[in-house]
Amino acid sequence: MRSAKEREISAFRERYATLRDERWKGDTRYDRWVAAPINNASLLPFGLYDRWIPAFAAVFEKSGSQWPAFFEAVRRLSRLPKSERECRLTALASTLPTGQAESVACREARI
């Protein structure tokens, strides 16, 4: 398992170098991070960032794809206690039909 992980990290570094040199015109601002030891702790922020993308996409859709309505819905979410906010985001991110997802994940989940 360790050798497979090292192969993946090596392949990631190679893909990064290709992107940097070909698409990003030699922009080296991430070189130090990519060269540093990569472990679960260094990757955690990426998982946290990506985790709620489907939920916020659903919020945007429920907001009629209108930015002001989306921002208001997000403000309302931000004011909720963490457990309730995560419950609602989980429901929104679910692949179940909206009504069913909300009832399964959080009975009173409404934005």
PDB file of N, CA and C in Angstrom:
ATOM      1  N   MET A   1       0.830  -1.192   0.000  1.00  0.00           N
ATOM      2  CA  MET A   1       0.000   0.000   0.000  1.00  0.00           C
ATOM      3  C   MET A   1       0.876   1.258   0.000  1.00  0.00           C
ATOM      4  N   ARG A   2       1.919   1.213   0.789  1.00  0.00           N
ATOM      5  CA  ARG A   2       2.820   2.362   0.866  1.00  0.00           C
ATOM      6  C   ARG A   2       3.449   2.663  -0.496  1.00  0.00           C
ATOM      7  N   SER A   3       3.850   1.607  -1.216  1.00  0.00           N
ATOM      8  CA  SER A   3       4.479   1.835  -2.519  1.00  0.00           C
ATOM      9  C   SER A   3       3.454   2.376  -3.529  1.00  0.00           C
ATOM     10  N   ALA A   4       2.226   1.927  -3.429  1.00  0.00           N
ATOM     11  CA  ALA A   4       1.174   2.457  -4.310  1.00  0.00           C
ATOM     12  C   ALA A   4       0.942   3.936  -4.025  1.00  0.00           C
ATOM     13  N   LYS A   5       0.943   4.300  -2.759  1.00  0.00           N
ATOM     14  CA  LYS A   5       0.769   5.704  -2.379  1.00  0.00           C
ATOM     15  C   LYS A   5       1.923   6.542  -2.927  1.00  0.00           C
ATOM     16  N   GLU A   6       3.139   6.042  -2.802  1.00  0.00           N
ATOM     17  CA  GLU A   6       4.301   6.769  -3.318  1.00  0.00           C
ATOM     18  C   GLU A   6       4.234   6.923  -4.837  1.00  0.00           C
ATOM     19  N   ARG A   7       3.753   5.892  -5.533  1.00  0.00           N
ATOM     20  CA  ARG A   7       3.598   5.998  -6.989  1.00  0.00           C
ATOM     21  C   ARG A   7       2.583   7.081  -7.347  1.00  0.00           C
ATOM     22  N   GLU A   8       1.484   7.123  -6.602  1.00  0.00           N
ATOM     23  CA  GLU A   8       0.458   8.151  -6.857  1.00  0.00           C
ATOM     24  C   GLU A   8       1.006   9.552  -6.614  1.00  0.00           C
ATOM     25  N   ILE A   9       1.756   9.712  -5.546  1.00  0.00           N
ATOM     26  CA  ILE A   9       2.347  11.029  -5.237  1.00  0.00           C
ATOM     27  C   ILE A   9       3.343  11.417  -6.319  1.00  0.00           C
ATOM     28  N   SER A  10       4.138  10.468  -6.762  1.00  0.00           N
ATOM     29  CA  SER A  10       5.099  10.741  -7.829  1.00  0.00           C
ATOM     30  C   SER A  10       4.382  11.135  -9.120  1.00  0.00           C
ATOM     31  N   ALA A  11       3.324  10.404  -9.462  1.00  0.00           N
ATOM     32  CA  ALA A  11       2.541  10.725 -10.662  1.00  0.00           C
ATOM     33  C   ALA A  11       1.904  12.104 -10.533  1.00  0.00           C
ATOM     34  N   PHE A  12       1.416  12.437  -9.337  1.00  0.00           N
ATOM     35  CA  PHE A  12       0.849  13.770  -9.092  1.00  0.00           C
ATOM     36  C   PHE A  12       1.898  14.844  -9.355  1.00  0.00           C
ATOM     37  N   ARG A  13       3.097  14.639  -8.850  1.00  0.00           N
ATOM     38  CA  ARG A  13       4.167  15.629  -9.037  1.00  0.00           C
ATOM     39  C   ARG A  13       4.517  15.784 -10.520  1.00  0.00           C
ATOM     40  N   GLU A  14       4.502  14.692 -11.241  1.00  0.00           N
ATOM     41  CA  GLU A  14       4.768  14.770 -12.683  1.00  0.00           C
ATOM     42  C   GLU A  14       3.660  15.541 -13.405  1.00  0.00           C
ATOM     43  N   ARG A  15       2.399  15.259 -13.051  1.00  0.00           N
ATOM     44  CA  ARG A  15       1.279  15.989 -13.673  1.00  0.00           C
ATOM     45  C   ARG A  15       1.350  17.470 -13.324  1.00  0.00           C
ATOM     46  N   TYR A  16       1.707  17.755 -12.083  1.00  0.00           N
ATOM     47  CA  TYR A  16       1.844  19.149 -11.664  1.00  0.00           C
ATOM     48  C   TYR A  16       2.904  19.853 -12.510  1.00  0.00           C
ATOM     49  N   ALA A  17       4.071  19.224 -12.674  1.00  0.00           N
ATOM     50  CA  ALA A  17       5.158  19.843 -13.447  1.00  0.00           C
ATOM     51  C   ALA A  17       4.719  20.113 -14.883  1.00  0.00           C
ATOM     52  N   THR A  18       3.975  19.170 -15.461  1.00  0.00           N
ATOM     53  CA  THR A  18       3.478  19.363 -16.823  1.00  0.00           C
ATOM     54  C   THR A  18       2.511  20.544 -16.882  1.00  0.00           C
ATOM     55  N   LEU A  19       1.573  20.596 -15.949  1.00  0.00           N
ATOM     56  CA  LEU A  19       0.636  21.737 -15.903  1.00  0.00           C
ATOM     57  C   LEU A  19       1.382  23.048 -15.725  1.00  0.00           C
ATOM     58  N   ARG A  20       2.292  23.070 -14.771  1.00  0.00           N
ATOM     59  CA  ARG A  20       3.057  24.282 -14.486  1.00  0.00           C
ATOM     60  C   ARG A  20       3.794  24.768 -15.720  1.00  0.00           C
ATOM     61  N   ASP A  21       4.452  23.852 -16.397  1.00  0.00           N
ATOM     62  CA  ASP A  21       5.295  24.249 -17.521  1.00  0.00           C
ATOM     63  C   ASP A  21       4.519  24.524 -18.801  1.00  0.00           C
ATOM     64  N   GLU A  22       3.427  23.787 -19.013  1.00  0.00           N
ATOM     65  CA  GLU A  22       2.715  23.920 -20.285  1.00  0.00           C
ATOM     66  C   GLU A  22       1.514  24.858 -20.214  1.00  0.00           C
ATOM     67  N   ARG A  23       0.697  24.725 -19.193  1.00  0.00           N
ATOM     68  CA  ARG A  23      -0.521  25.547 -19.121  1.00  0.00           C
ATOM     69  C   ARG A  23      -0.348  26.804 -18.288  1.00  0.00           C
ATOM     70  N   TRP A  24       0.447  26.707 -17.231  1.00  0.00           N
ATOM     71  CA  TRP A  24       0.567  27.829 -16.303  1.00  0.00           C
ATOM     72  C   TRP A  24       1.780  28.697 -16.605  1.00  0.00           C
ATOM     73  N   LYS A  25       2.389  28.463 -17.740  1.00  0.00           N
ATOM     74  CA  LYS A  25       3.500  29.286 -18.220  1.00  0.00           C
ATOM     75  C   LYS A  25       4.628  29.428 -17.194  1.00  0.00           C
ATOM     76  N   GLY A  26       4.963  28.331 -16.528  1.00  0.00           N
ATOM     77  CA  GLY A  26       6.088  28.336 -15.600  1.00  0.00           C
ATOM     78  C   GLY A  26       5.808  28.969 -14.251  1.00  0.00           C
ATOM     79  N   ASP A  27       4.550  29.179 -13.902  1.00  0.00           N
ATOM     80  CA  ASP A  27       4.189  29.747 -12.593  1.00  0.00           C
ATOM     81  C   ASP A  27       4.615  28.773 -11.493  1.00  0.00           C
ATOM     82  N   THR A  28       5.544  29.179 -10.661  1.00  0.00           N
ATOM     83  CA  THR A  28       6.143  28.286  -9.662  1.00  0.00           C
ATOM     84  C   THR A  28       5.596  28.468  -8.251  1.00  0.00           C
ATOM     85  N   ARG A  29       4.511  29.179  -8.092  1.00  0.00           N
ATOM     86  CA  ARG A  29       4.051  29.500  -6.729  1.00  0.00           C
ATOM     87  C   ARG A  29       3.686  28.283  -5.879  1.00  0.00           C
ATOM     88  N   TYR A  30       3.381  27.144  -6.505  1.00  0.00           N
ATOM     89  CA  TYR A  30       3.030  25.946  -5.733  1.00  0.00           C
ATOM     90  C   TYR A  30       4.178  24.944  -5.622  1.00  0.00           C
ATOM     91  N   ASP A  31       5.313  25.250  -6.192  1.00  0.00           N
ATOM     92  CA  ASP A  31       6.441  24.314  -6.200  1.00  0.00           C
ATOM     93  C   ASP A  31       6.844  23.859  -4.800  1.00  0.00           C
ATOM     94  N   ARG A  32       6.919  24.767  -3.864  1.00  0.00           N
ATOM     95  CA  ARG A  32       7.355  24.402  -2.518  1.00  0.00           C
ATOM     96  C   ARG A  32       6.384  23.410  -1.877  1.00  0.00           C
ATOM     97  N   TRP A  33       5.075  23.666  -2.039  1.00  0.00           N
ATOM     98  CA  TRP A  33       4.091  22.758  -1.451  1.00  0.00           C
ATOM     99  C   TRP A  33       4.175  21.378  -2.101  1.00  0.00           C
ATOM    100  N   VAL A  34       4.284  21.331  -3.421  1.00  0.00           N
ATOM    101  CA  VAL A  34       4.326  20.054  -4.137  1.00  0.00           C
ATOM    102  C   VAL A  34       5.594  19.277  -3.790  1.00  0.00           C
ATOM    103  N   ALA A  35       6.709  19.978  -3.571  1.00  0.00           N
ATOM    104  CA  ALA A  35       7.976  19.307  -3.258  1.00  0.00           C
ATOM    105  C   ALA A  35       8.044  18.820  -1.812  1.00  0.00           C
ATOM    106  N   ALA A  36       7.253  19.416  -0.927  1.00  0.00           N
ATOM    107  CA  ALA A  36       7.267  19.039   0.491  1.00  0.00           C
ATOM    108  C   ALA A  36       6.663  17.639   0.657  1.00  0.00           C
ATOM    109  N   PRO A  37       6.953  16.999   1.790  1.00  0.00           N
ATOM    110  CA  PRO A  37       6.335  15.684   2.036  1.00  0.00           C
ATOM    111  C   PRO A  37       4.810  15.791   1.982  1.00  0.00           C
ATOM    112  N   ILE A  38       4.202  14.864   1.263  1.00  0.00           N
ATOM    113  CA  ILE A  38       2.740  14.848   1.128  1.00  0.00           C
ATOM    114  C   ILE A  38       2.211  13.705   1.976  1.00  0.00           C
ATOM    115  N   ASN A  39       1.303  14.044   2.884  1.00  0.00           N
ATOM    116  CA  ASN A  39       0.693  13.047   3.753  1.00  0.00           C
ATOM    117  C   ASN A  39      -0.783  13.387   3.926  1.00  0.00           C
ATOM    118  N   ASN A  40      -1.497  12.598   4.683  1.00  0.00           N
ATOM    119  CA  ASN A  40      -2.930  12.832   4.865  1.00  0.00           C
ATOM    120  C   ASN A  40      -3.219  14.214   5.429  1.00  0.00           C
ATOM    121  N   ALA A  41      -2.401  14.676   6.364  1.00  0.00           N
ATOM    122  CA  ALA A  41      -2.635  15.993   6.963  1.00  0.00           C
ATOM    123  C   ALA A  41      -2.486  17.109   5.929  1.00  0.00           C
ATOM    124  N   SER A  42      -1.539  16.971   5.017  1.00  0.00           N
ATOM    125  CA  SER A  42      -1.361  18.023   4.015  1.00  0.00           C
ATOM    126  C   SER A  42      -2.461  17.991   2.957  1.00  0.00           C
ATOM    127  N   LEU A  43      -3.129  16.858   2.795  1.00  0.00           N
ATOM    128  CA  LEU A  43      -4.208  16.736   1.817  1.00  0.00           C
ATOM    129  C   LEU A  43      -5.588  17.064   2.389  1.00  0.00           C
ATOM    130  N   LEU A  44      -5.713  17.062   3.707  1.00  0.00           N
ATOM    131  CA  LEU A  44      -7.008  17.276   4.360  1.00  0.00           C
ATOM    132  C   LEU A  44      -7.731  18.543   3.905  1.00  0.00           C
ATOM    133  N   PRO A  45      -7.054  19.693   3.803  1.00  0.00           N
ATOM    134  CA  PRO A  45      -7.794  20.900   3.391  1.00  0.00           C
ATOM    135  C   PRO A  45      -8.489  20.763   2.045  1.00  0.00           C
ATOM    136  N   PHE A  46      -7.915  19.990   1.122  1.00  0.00           N
ATOM    137  CA  PHE A  46      -8.543  19.821  -0.186  1.00  0.00           C
ATOM    138  C   PHE A  46      -9.843  19.049  -0.076  1.00  0.00           C
ATOM    139  N   GLY A  47      -9.850  18.023   0.746  1.00  0.00           N
ATOM    140  CA  GLY A  47     -11.068  17.257   0.964  1.00  0.00           C
ATOM    141  C   GLY A  47     -12.139  18.090   1.636  1.00  0.00           C
ATOM    142  N   LEU A  48     -11.735  18.904   2.595  1.00  0.00           N
ATOM    143  CA  LEU A  48     -12.700  19.767   3.273  1.00  0.00           C
ATOM    144  C   LEU A  48     -13.292  20.787   2.315  1.00  0.00           C
ATOM    145  N   TYR A  49     -12.461  21.322   1.457  1.00  0.00           N
ATOM    146  CA  TYR A  49     -12.924  22.320   0.498  1.00  0.00           C
ATOM    147  C   TYR A  49     -13.913  21.705  -0.490  1.00  0.00           C
ATOM    148  N   ASP A  50     -13.569  20.551  -1.010  1.00  0.00           N
ATOM    149  CA  ASP A  50     -14.402  19.916  -2.035  1.00  0.00           C
ATOM    150  C   ASP A  50     -15.665  19.271  -1.490  1.00  0.00           C
ATOM    151  N   ARG A  51     -15.684  18.977  -0.220  1.00  0.00           N
ATOM    152  CA  ARG A  51     -16.772  18.198   0.372  1.00  0.00           C
ATOM    153  C   ARG A  51     -18.151  18.766   0.083  1.00  0.00           C
ATOM    154  N   TRP A  52     -18.299  20.063   0.183  1.00  0.00           N
ATOM    155  CA  TRP A  52     -19.632  20.648   0.085  1.00  0.00           C
ATOM    156  C   TRP A  52     -19.960  21.238  -1.291  1.00  0.00           C
ATOM    157  N   ILE A  53     -19.124  21.039  -2.285  1.00  0.00           N
ATOM    158  CA  ILE A  53     -19.406  21.589  -3.619  1.00  0.00           C
ATOM    159  C   ILE A  53     -20.774  21.125  -4.134  1.00  0.00           C
ATOM    160  N   PRO A  54     -21.118  19.834  -4.059  1.00  0.00           N
ATOM    161  CA  PRO A  54     -22.448  19.427  -4.540  1.00  0.00           C
ATOM    162  C   PRO A  54     -23.585  20.101  -3.764  1.00  0.00           C
ATOM    163  N   ALA A  55     -23.398  20.295  -2.462  1.00  0.00           N
ATOM    164  CA  ALA A  55     -24.438  20.942  -1.661  1.00  0.00           C
ATOM    165  C   ALA A  55     -24.635  22.390  -2.098  1.00  0.00           C
ATOM    166  N   PHE A  56     -23.530  23.109  -2.293  1.00  0.00           N
ATOM    167  CA  PHE A  56     -23.661  24.513  -2.693  1.00  0.00           C
ATOM    168  C   PHE A  56     -24.168  24.638  -4.126  1.00  0.00           C
ATOM    169  N   ALA A  57     -23.866  23.658  -4.964  1.00  0.00           N
ATOM    170  CA  ALA A  57     -24.451  23.650  -6.308  1.00  0.00           C
ATOM    171  C   ALA A  57     -25.963  23.492  -6.213  1.00  0.00           C
ATOM    172  N   ALA A  58     -26.418  22.640  -5.287  1.00  0.00           N
ATOM    173  CA  ALA A  58     -27.859  22.466  -5.081  1.00  0.00           C
ATOM    174  C   ALA A  58     -28.492  23.737  -4.531  1.00  0.00           C
ATOM    175  N   VAL A  59     -27.799  24.416  -3.618  1.00  0.00           N
ATOM    176  CA  VAL A  59     -28.312  25.687  -3.084  1.00  0.00           C
ATOM    177  C   VAL A  59     -28.460  26.691  -4.228  1.00  0.00           C
ATOM    178  N   PHE A  60     -27.469  26.739  -5.102  1.00  0.00           N
ATOM    179  CA  PHE A  60     -27.526  27.675  -6.233  1.00  0.00           C
ATOM    180  C   PHE A  60     -28.712  27.342  -7.136  1.00  0.00           C
ATOM    181  N   GLU A  61     -28.912  26.054  -7.409  1.00  0.00           N
ATOM    182  CA  GLU A  61     -30.039  25.646  -8.244  1.00  0.00           C
ATOM    183  C   GLU A  61     -31.367  25.993  -7.579  1.00  0.00           C
ATOM    184  N   LYS A  62     -31.471  25.701  -6.256  1.00  0.00           N
ATOM    185  CA  LYS A  62     -32.703  26.013  -5.525  1.00  0.00           C
ATOM    186  C   LYS A  62     -32.954  27.516  -5.459  1.00  0.00           C
ATOM    187  N   SER A  63     -31.892  28.295  -5.629  1.00  0.00           N
ATOM    188  CA  SER A  63     -32.004  29.753  -5.596  1.00  0.00           C
ATOM    189  C   SER A  63     -32.330  30.311  -6.974  1.00  0.00           C
ATOM    190  N   GLY A  64     -32.745  29.447  -7.872  1.00  0.00           N
ATOM    191  CA  GLY A  64     -33.090  29.882  -9.218  1.00  0.00           C
ATOM    192  C   GLY A  64     -31.869  30.341 -10.002  1.00  0.00           C
ATOM    193  N   SER A  65     -30.694  29.855  -9.625  1.00  0.00           N
ATOM    194  CA  SER A  65     -29.426  30.248 -10.261  1.00  0.00           C
ATOM    195  C   SER A  65     -29.228  31.763 -10.227  1.00  0.00           C
ATOM    196  N   GLN A  66     -29.728  32.362  -9.169  1.00  0.00           N
ATOM    197  CA  GLN A  66     -29.596  33.807  -8.973  1.00  0.00           C
ATOM    198  C   GLN A  66     -28.634  34.058  -7.822  1.00  0.00           C
ATOM    199  N   TRP A  67     -27.548  34.778  -8.085  1.00  0.00           N
ATOM    200  CA  TRP A  67     -26.517  34.984  -7.060  1.00  0.00           C
ATOM    201  C   TRP A  67     -27.044  35.640  -5.788  1.00  0.00           C
ATOM    202  N   PRO A  68     -27.857  36.693  -5.856  1.00  0.00           N
ATOM    203  CA  PRO A  68     -28.332  37.305  -4.600  1.00  0.00           C
ATOM    204  C   PRO A  68     -29.113  36.312  -3.734  1.00  0.00           C
ATOM    205  N   ALA A  69     -29.977  35.509  -4.361  1.00  0.00           N
ATOM    206  CA  ALA A  69     -30.743  34.513  -3.600  1.00  0.00           C
ATOM    207  C   ALA A  69     -29.816  33.437  -3.049  1.00  0.00           C
ATOM    208  N   PHE A  70     -28.814  33.037  -3.820  1.00  0.00           N
ATOM    209  CA  PHE A  70     -27.841  32.053  -3.353  1.00  0.00           C
ATOM    210  C   PHE A  70     -27.094  32.580  -2.122  1.00  0.00           C
ATOM    211  N   PHE A  71     -26.599  33.804  -2.205  1.00  0.00           N
ATOM    212  CA  PHE A  71     -25.848  34.370  -1.074  1.00  0.00           C
ATOM    213  C   PHE A  71     -26.719  34.487   0.172  1.00  0.00           C
ATOM    214  N   GLU A  72     -27.979  34.811   0.000  1.00  0.00           N
ATOM    215  CA  GLU A  72     -28.887  34.890   1.154  1.00  0.00           C
ATOM    216  C   GLU A  72     -29.101  33.503   1.761  1.00  0.00           C
ATOM    217  N   ALA A  73     -29.279  32.497   0.921  1.00  0.00           N
ATOM    218  CA  ALA A  73     -29.453  31.136   1.424  1.00  0.00           C
ATOM    219  C   ALA A  73     -28.198  30.674   2.174  1.00  0.00           C
ATOM    220  N   VAL A  74     -27.034  31.008   1.656  1.00  0.00           N
ATOM    221  CA  VAL A  74     -25.782  30.639   2.320  1.00  0.00           C
ATOM    222  C   VAL A  74     -25.652  31.385   3.644  1.00  0.00           C
ATOM    223  N   ARG A  75     -26.058  32.649   3.680  1.00  0.00           N
ATOM    224  CA  ARG A  75     -26.036  33.401   4.951  1.00  0.00           C
ATOM    225  C   ARG A  75     -26.914  32.716   5.997  1.00  0.00           C
ATOM    226  N   ARG A  76     -28.101  32.290   5.565  1.00  0.00           N
ATOM    227  CA  ARG A  76     -28.991  31.588   6.496  1.00  0.00           C
ATOM    228  C   ARG A  76     -28.342  30.303   6.998  1.00  0.00           C
ATOM    229  N   LEU A  77     -27.724  29.562   6.098  1.00  0.00           N
ATOM    230  CA  LEU A  77     -27.023  28.340   6.507  1.00  0.00           C
ATOM    231  C   LEU A  77     -25.912  28.645   7.506  1.00  0.00           C
ATOM    232  N   SER A  78     -25.183  29.713   7.278  1.00  0.00           N
ATOM    233  CA  SER A  78     -24.030  30.036   8.136  1.00  0.00           C
ATOM    234  C   SER A  78     -24.454  30.378   9.556  1.00  0.00           C
ATOM    235  N   ARG A  79     -25.694  30.786   9.732  1.00  0.00           N
ATOM    236  CA  ARG A  79     -26.177  31.168  11.064  1.00  0.00           C
ATOM    237  C   ARG A  79     -26.675  29.975  11.878  1.00  0.00           C
ATOM    238  N   LEU A  80     -26.800  28.833  11.246  1.00  0.00           N
ATOM    239  CA  LEU A  80     -27.291  27.641  11.943  1.00  0.00           C
ATOM    240  C   LEU A  80     -26.200  27.035  12.820  1.00  0.00           C
ATOM    241  N   PRO A  81     -26.596  26.328  13.869  1.00  0.00           N
ATOM    242  CA  PRO A  81     -25.596  25.563  14.632  1.00  0.00           C
ATOM    243  C   PRO A  81     -24.910  24.562  13.699  1.00  0.00           C
ATOM    244  N   LYS A  82     -23.657  24.273  13.978  1.00  0.00           N
ATOM    245  CA  LYS A  82     -22.857  23.427  13.091  1.00  0.00           C
ATOM    246  C   LYS A  82     -23.549  22.112  12.752  1.00  0.00           C
ATOM    247  N   SER A  83     -24.112  21.426  13.738  1.00  0.00           N
ATOM    248  CA  SER A  83     -24.721  20.115  13.474  1.00  0.00           C
ATOM    249  C   SER A  83     -25.911  20.239  12.520  1.00  0.00           C
ATOM    250  N   GLU A  84     -26.725  21.258  12.705  1.00  0.00           N
ATOM    251  CA  GLU A  84     -27.874  21.436  11.818  1.00  0.00           C
ATOM    252  C   GLU A  84     -27.427  21.860  10.422  1.00  0.00           C
ATOM    253  N   ARG A  85     -26.422  22.741  10.364  1.00  0.00           N
ATOM    254  CA  ARG A  85     -25.894  23.186   9.069  1.00  0.00           C
ATOM    255  C   ARG A  85     -25.348  21.980   8.286  1.00  0.00           C
ATOM    256  N   GLU A  86     -24.580  21.124   8.960  1.00  0.00           N
ATOM    257  CA  GLU A  86     -24.020  19.960   8.279  1.00  0.00           C
ATOM    258  C   GLU A  86     -25.105  18.981   7.857  1.00  0.00           C
ATOM    259  N   CYS A  87     -26.140  18.869   8.654  1.00  0.00           N
ATOM    260  CA  CYS A  87     -27.268  18.012   8.306  1.00  0.00           C
ATOM    261  C   CYS A  87     -27.920  18.518   7.020  1.00  0.00           C
ATOM    262  N   ARG A  88     -28.148  19.794   6.954  1.00  0.00           N
ATOM    263  CA  ARG A  88     -28.782  20.361   5.758  1.00  0.00           C
ATOM    264  C   ARG A  88     -27.868  20.254   4.540  1.00  0.00           C
ATOM    265  N   LEU A  89     -26.578  20.509   4.723  1.00  0.00           N
ATOM    266  CA  LEU A  89     -25.651  20.396   3.601  1.00  0.00           C
ATOM    267  C   LEU A  89     -25.559  18.952   3.115  1.00  0.00           C
ATOM    268  N   THR A  90     -25.585  18.010   4.040  1.00  0.00           N
ATOM    269  CA  THR A  90     -25.562  16.597   3.666  1.00  0.00           C
ATOM    270  C   THR A  90     -26.793  16.253   2.842  1.00  0.00           C
ATOM    271  N   ALA A  91     -27.934  16.739   3.268  1.00  0.00           N
ATOM    272  CA  ALA A  91     -29.172  16.498   2.521  1.00  0.00           C
ATOM    273  C   ALA A  91     -29.084  17.099   1.125  1.00  0.00           C
ATOM    274  N   LEU A  92     -28.561  18.300   1.042  1.00  0.00           N
ATOM    275  CA  LEU A  92     -28.452  18.965  -0.254  1.00  0.00           C
ATOM    276  C   LEU A  92     -27.472  18.254  -1.181  1.00  0.00           C
ATOM    277  N   ALA A  93     -26.418  17.690  -0.623  1.00  0.00           N
ATOM    278  CA  ALA A  93     -25.396  17.027  -1.429  1.00  0.00           C
ATOM    279  C   ALA A  93     -25.807  15.630  -1.862  1.00  0.00           C
ATOM    280  N   SER A  94     -26.855  15.114  -1.260  1.00  0.00           N
ATOM    281  CA  SER A  94     -27.283  13.751  -1.547  1.00  0.00           C
ATOM    282  C   SER A  94     -27.697  13.594  -3.006  1.00  0.00           C
ATOM    283  N   THR A  95     -27.521  12.404  -3.504  1.00  0.00           N
ATOM    284  CA  THR A  95     -27.935  12.126  -4.884  1.00  0.00           C
ATOM    285  C   THR A  95     -29.393  11.699  -4.962  1.00  0.00           C
ATOM    286  N   LEU A  96     -30.055  11.581  -3.807  1.00  0.00           N
ATOM    287  CA  LEU A  96     -31.475  11.240  -3.814  1.00  0.00           C
ATOM    288  C   LEU A  96     -32.283  12.424  -4.319  1.00  0.00           C
ATOM    289  N   PRO A  97     -33.489  12.195  -4.798  1.00  0.00           N
ATOM    290  CA  PRO A  97     -34.340  13.321  -5.163  1.00  0.00           C
ATOM    291  C   PRO A  97     -34.456  14.269  -3.971  1.00  0.00           C
ATOM    292  N   THR A  98     -34.534  15.556  -4.230  1.00  0.00           N
ATOM    293  CA  THR A  98     -34.449  16.581  -3.194  1.00  0.00           C
ATOM    294  C   THR A  98     -35.335  16.320  -1.989  1.00  0.00           C
ATOM    295  N   GLY A  99     -36.626  16.116  -2.187  1.00  0.00           N
ATOM    296  CA  GLY A  99     -37.523  15.913  -1.054  1.00  0.00           C
ATOM    297  C   GLY A  99     -37.154  14.708  -0.230  1.00  0.00           C
ATOM    298  N   GLN A 100     -36.806  13.620  -0.898  1.00  0.00           N
ATOM    299  CA  GLN A 100     -36.433  12.391  -0.200  1.00  0.00           C
ATOM    300  C   GLN A 100     -35.112  12.577   0.533  1.00  0.00           C
ATOM    301  N   ALA A 101     -34.148  13.237  -0.099  1.00  0.00           N
ATOM    302  CA  ALA A 101     -32.843  13.451   0.541  1.00  0.00           C
ATOM    303  C   ALA A 101     -32.998  14.250   1.818  1.00  0.00           C
ATOM    304  N   GLU A 102     -33.815  15.288   1.762  1.00  0.00           N
ATOM    305  CA  GLU A 102     -33.993  16.113   2.945  1.00  0.00           C
ATOM    306  C   GLU A 102     -34.657  15.322   4.062  1.00  0.00           C
ATOM    307  N   SER A 103     -35.670  14.512   3.728  1.00  0.00           N
ATOM    308  CA  SER A 103     -36.350  13.787   4.796  1.00  0.00           C
ATOM    309  C   SER A 103     -35.458  12.701   5.384  1.00  0.00           C
ATOM    310  N   VAL A 104     -34.609  12.090   4.563  1.00  0.00           N
ATOM    311  CA  VAL A 104     -33.718  11.060   5.055  1.00  0.00           C
ATOM    312  C   VAL A 104     -32.642  11.657   5.941  1.00  0.00           C
ATOM    313  N   ALA A 105     -31.997  12.729   5.506  1.00  0.00           N
ATOM    314  CA  ALA A 105     -30.845  13.262   6.230  1.00  0.00           C
ATOM    315  C   ALA A 105     -31.239  14.171   7.384  1.00  0.00           C
ATOM    316  N   CYS A 106     -32.328  14.869   7.254  1.00  0.00           N
ATOM    317  CA  CYS A 106     -32.646  15.867   8.264  1.00  0.00           C
ATOM    318  C   CYS A 106     -34.134  16.225   8.115  1.00  0.00           C
ATOM    319  N   ARG A 107     -34.953  15.753   8.999  1.00  0.00           N
ATOM    320  CA  ARG A 107     -36.398  15.876   8.855  1.00  0.00           C
ATOM    321  C   ARG A 107     -36.861  17.309   8.566  1.00  0.00           C
ATOM    322  N   GLU A 108     -36.335  18.264   9.281  1.00  0.00           N
ATOM    323  CA  GLU A 108     -36.822  19.629   9.051  1.00  0.00           C
ATOM    324  C   GLU A 108     -35.870  20.471   8.231  1.00  0.00           C
ATOM    325  N   ALA A 109     -35.044  19.821   7.411  1.00  0.00           N
ATOM    326  CA  ALA A 109     -34.077  20.558   6.593  1.00  0.00           C
ATOM    327  C   ALA A 109     -34.807  21.348   5.521  1.00  0.00           C
ATOM    328  N   ARG A 110     -34.768  22.639   5.644  1.00  0.00           N
ATOM    329  CA  ARG A 110     -35.336  23.537   4.640  1.00  0.00           C
ATOM    330  C   ARG A 110     -34.457  24.771   4.575  1.00  0.00           C
ATOM    331  N   ILE A 111     -34.207  25.210   3.370  1.00  0.00           N
ATOM    332  CA  ILE A 111     -33.407  26.441   3.200  1.00  0.00           C
ATOM    333  C   ILE A 111     -34.333  27.546   2.761  1.00  0.00           C
TER     334      ILE A 111
END
